[in-house]
Amino acid sequence: MEVRPAVQGRAAAGRVALLAVLLPLCCRAVPERVRYAIPEELGRGSLVGPLARDLGLSPADLPARKLRIVSGGEKQYFTLGDDNTNLLVNERIDREGICGALSSCVLSLEAVVENPFNIFHVSVTIQDINDNAPQFDREFIAIEMIESTPPGARFPLGSGRDPDIGANSLHNYQLTPNPLFSLVVRESPDGTKQPELVLEKSLDREKQRNHHLILTAVDGGDPARSGTTQIKINVTDANDNPPLFTKEIYKVRLLENVPEGSLAFQVKATDGDEGTNAEITYSFSDIASSARQLFTLDSRTGDVKVTGPLDYEEGKYYEASVEGKDGGGLSAHAKVHIDILDVNDNAPTISLLPILNPIPEDSVPSTVVAVINVRDRDSGDNGQVNCNIDGDLPFRLEPSSENTYKLIIASTLDREKVSAYNMTITAMDRGSPALSSRAALVLEVSDVNDNAPVFEEAAYSAYVAENNAAGAPVLRVRARDADAGANGRVSYWLAGGSAGAAGAAPYVSVEARSGAVYAQRSFDYEQCREFAVAVRAQDGGAPARSSTATVRVFVLDRNDNAPRVLWPAAGAGAGAGAAPGAAPFEVVPRSAEAGYLVAKVVAVDADAGRNAWLSYELVQAPEPALFRVGLHSGEVRTARAVSERDAAKQRLVAVVKDHGQPALSATATLHVVLAESLQEALPELSERAAGADSPAELQFYLVLALALLSALFLLSVALAVLARVRRAGPPAVLRCLGAQRFSVAGAAFPADFCEGTLPYSYNLCVAPGRAVAEGAWLPPPLPSLAAEELLGAEPCGKRSPTSSAGAGEPPADAEAPQVCKPAQSLSLSLS
């Protein structure tokens, strides 16, 4: 990949620009490494290079590849443009502040792309520009010279300092012309240039006691920059022996963790003179301001102590010149080289760049979720860092480069088990003792619809009493989905079942949100005793997942059907001799003994269980002791032998009750004539018809008067009560008077069946002297009918499998609609 340096800067940096242009022609980067070179001091937003193009990314690929940069330093010197194509300067770059005196200043960063994932290493070389002028540590340099100093003597001067490097660094010194002095520049072994003042002619204190010179330091930039300092020379009397240092160069090595106040080293000089001329004082003649803050020199002893915190990462090397001057004004100079040794005093720093957060729980292993950059300012083993994850987590770190790791998925994820991972990443160096740092990373797992709703029960059972109100709650089904959000939001609906017969409205409905099942109609036990529906629970995921549960509803019977008398039927004839329309009679011979079978009352109840258990009772008879009825059989028999004192005409009323709560009943009326033959009974029947007019007429007027009085009383009471009960709805008794006399979904009831009674009369005449078998008194054979067929005269549909068969034969077409009809009259005649 070619290096494309972006050259922006001042016009004065022409040679730097030329070098940047020539770099693409002579240099090529290693694979997966992009190199740029830019001058320092570029403004914010200045172009570094077309990063996307150099990585082989087209503008169409950028949205999917998600190009990002990661810098491990504390400051972000670079950023991507708005279109993510160019690498730009993010803040001011000062080469001297970043790299100091190092000749090569390189900033490194990583470029991260996805789909597929890759990391490219980018190096930006910061080129120096001549933005610093040379400076001297002291504005004035004071030198004392003995007038006896021989010509050719040299006096070191303070060195100028220029933070720039290369051609822009300090190049030469210049001295104002003076016949007594000249300037010599000496280059030290480390490459620094040391100016020295050379005495050209002998001094004469009596002619001139002071001399003033200007020393100028000039760098090699274009245009050149310079700095000056003034030299003041004081001529003193003679001193024969100058001081002499024990070493010309003091080389000192200090650990960066040396405590402040500790003795770093000592300089020592001797003087062959005596007295004040042998008293030597020490001082720094040439020292950088940064070193002056860290070291102090005792002027009497020559002890150099540490007065500030040493930091290898801030300064690895310091240089100073020490001057030793005796009391007579003679001086000597020595160089001091201080090397700072690194100790493991910097813990690694961790930079995190999340790539995928939250993580879909169906992400495959080896998916990159984050890029981790670790840095350690120490050097050597102290700067070598190992990175690892604390705990047993389904992630692992994979090295990408020297300081970069990829955090990838090691095994499958399941949000329902763990929805978030609080991860601690530890970076530890190889120093002794080792230092470490930790960074917390929270990775959330996003939900995927991988769980279907699960019902709390596979099958539900509900028990509902019949005649319930439409909309009444039946039960509530509940399904839980382990997913979250829309994937875990469950809705319900009916999926089918026996209740959804074709052409019929559904029996129940389910509320979509709560799962509450409600009755859609009033249930009728006589029509449907149980049914089942399938309820489906479905989540809101895409694609949606669902499950089904069965709801079985059992309808409980209520005592809502009164017994129905089938025999004797009202209006049925008793024999062949009965006139049409005349009331039927039962003829009992006067010779009948106790236990004689008079008739058998046959009744049915459409309810079930106790509500259908029937009992019979004789409630009205002129001679209570003469007849009795079987409690469970309904057979009317004589309780004793018939005597001549017994009335010829007997009217018997039997009541049929069920065992419901409250009990419902029906009545059957039997007219019995005590006679030996039918011819003997005919006069009784004629007398009854003739003499019945006058008592009947009187009875009619009495009943009419009583009815009028009762009606007036009831009307006044009803008007008073009606205002109070209007909001509560009409009373139950008025519901029978509504327009709809029958239940839409239930069995059909007779029009006069409001209070649960079914009045019937049955009369039978039997000729005397005819021996009639007991079985002949039974009613005619009845067809096998369902309960709803017995209670209404509407088509009954398909027979209920629970209906009991009668004694007769079933209809020829069992599937044809059947109508319940009253039994035919039975006429018996004597031959």
Foldseek 3Di string as FASTA:
>chain_A
DFAQFQEDDDPQPVVVVVVQVCRRVPDDDDPLEYEYEYEFFDAWFGFGFQVCVVVVHDLVCCVQFVKAKFFPDPDDQWGADPSRGTITGHHGGDQCQQPFQDPWDKGKMWIWTPPPTDIGIYIYTYAYALPWAWEFPDQEAEAEAELPDAFFDKAWAAATFTRTDDQSTWDDKDKDDDPQWDWDWDADPVGGIIIIITGHHGHDCVVPQKDKMKMKIWGRGVVIHIYIHMYIYGYAHDDPWAKAKPDQEAEFEAEQADDFFDFRDFTDIATPDDDQQGQKFKDWRYWDPVVVCQWDAHRRGRTITGHDGGDCLNPQKTKTKMWIGGRRRHIDIHIYIYGYDYALPWAKDKDKAADDAQAAQADAWPAFGIKMFIFTSTDDQSTQKDKFKPDDDQWTWDDNDRGMITITGNHGGDCLVPFKDWIKMKMWTRGVVIHIDIDTDIHGYAYALPWAWAKPDQEAEWEAEFPDAAFAWTAATDTFTSTDDQSGQKFKWWPFWPQCDPPDDGQWTAGGRGRTITGRHGDACLVPQKIKTKMKIWGRHVVIHIDIHMYIYGYHYALPAFKAWQPPFFLFAAAPPDDRPDAAAFEAELQDFFFAFRFATDIFTQTDDQSTQKFKFWDDKPDVQQWTAHGRGRTITGHGHHDPPDDQKMKIKMKMWGRGVVIFIAIEIHIYGHHQFLVVCVVVVVCCVVPVPVVVVVVVVVVVVVVVVVVVVVVVVCVVCCVVCVVVPDDLLCVCVDPDNAGPPYAGADNPCRRRYDYHYHHHHHGHPDDDDPVVNYAPWDAQARSSQQGFQDFDAAGDPPTDGTPDDHDPDRGDTDGRDRGHHYHHHDD
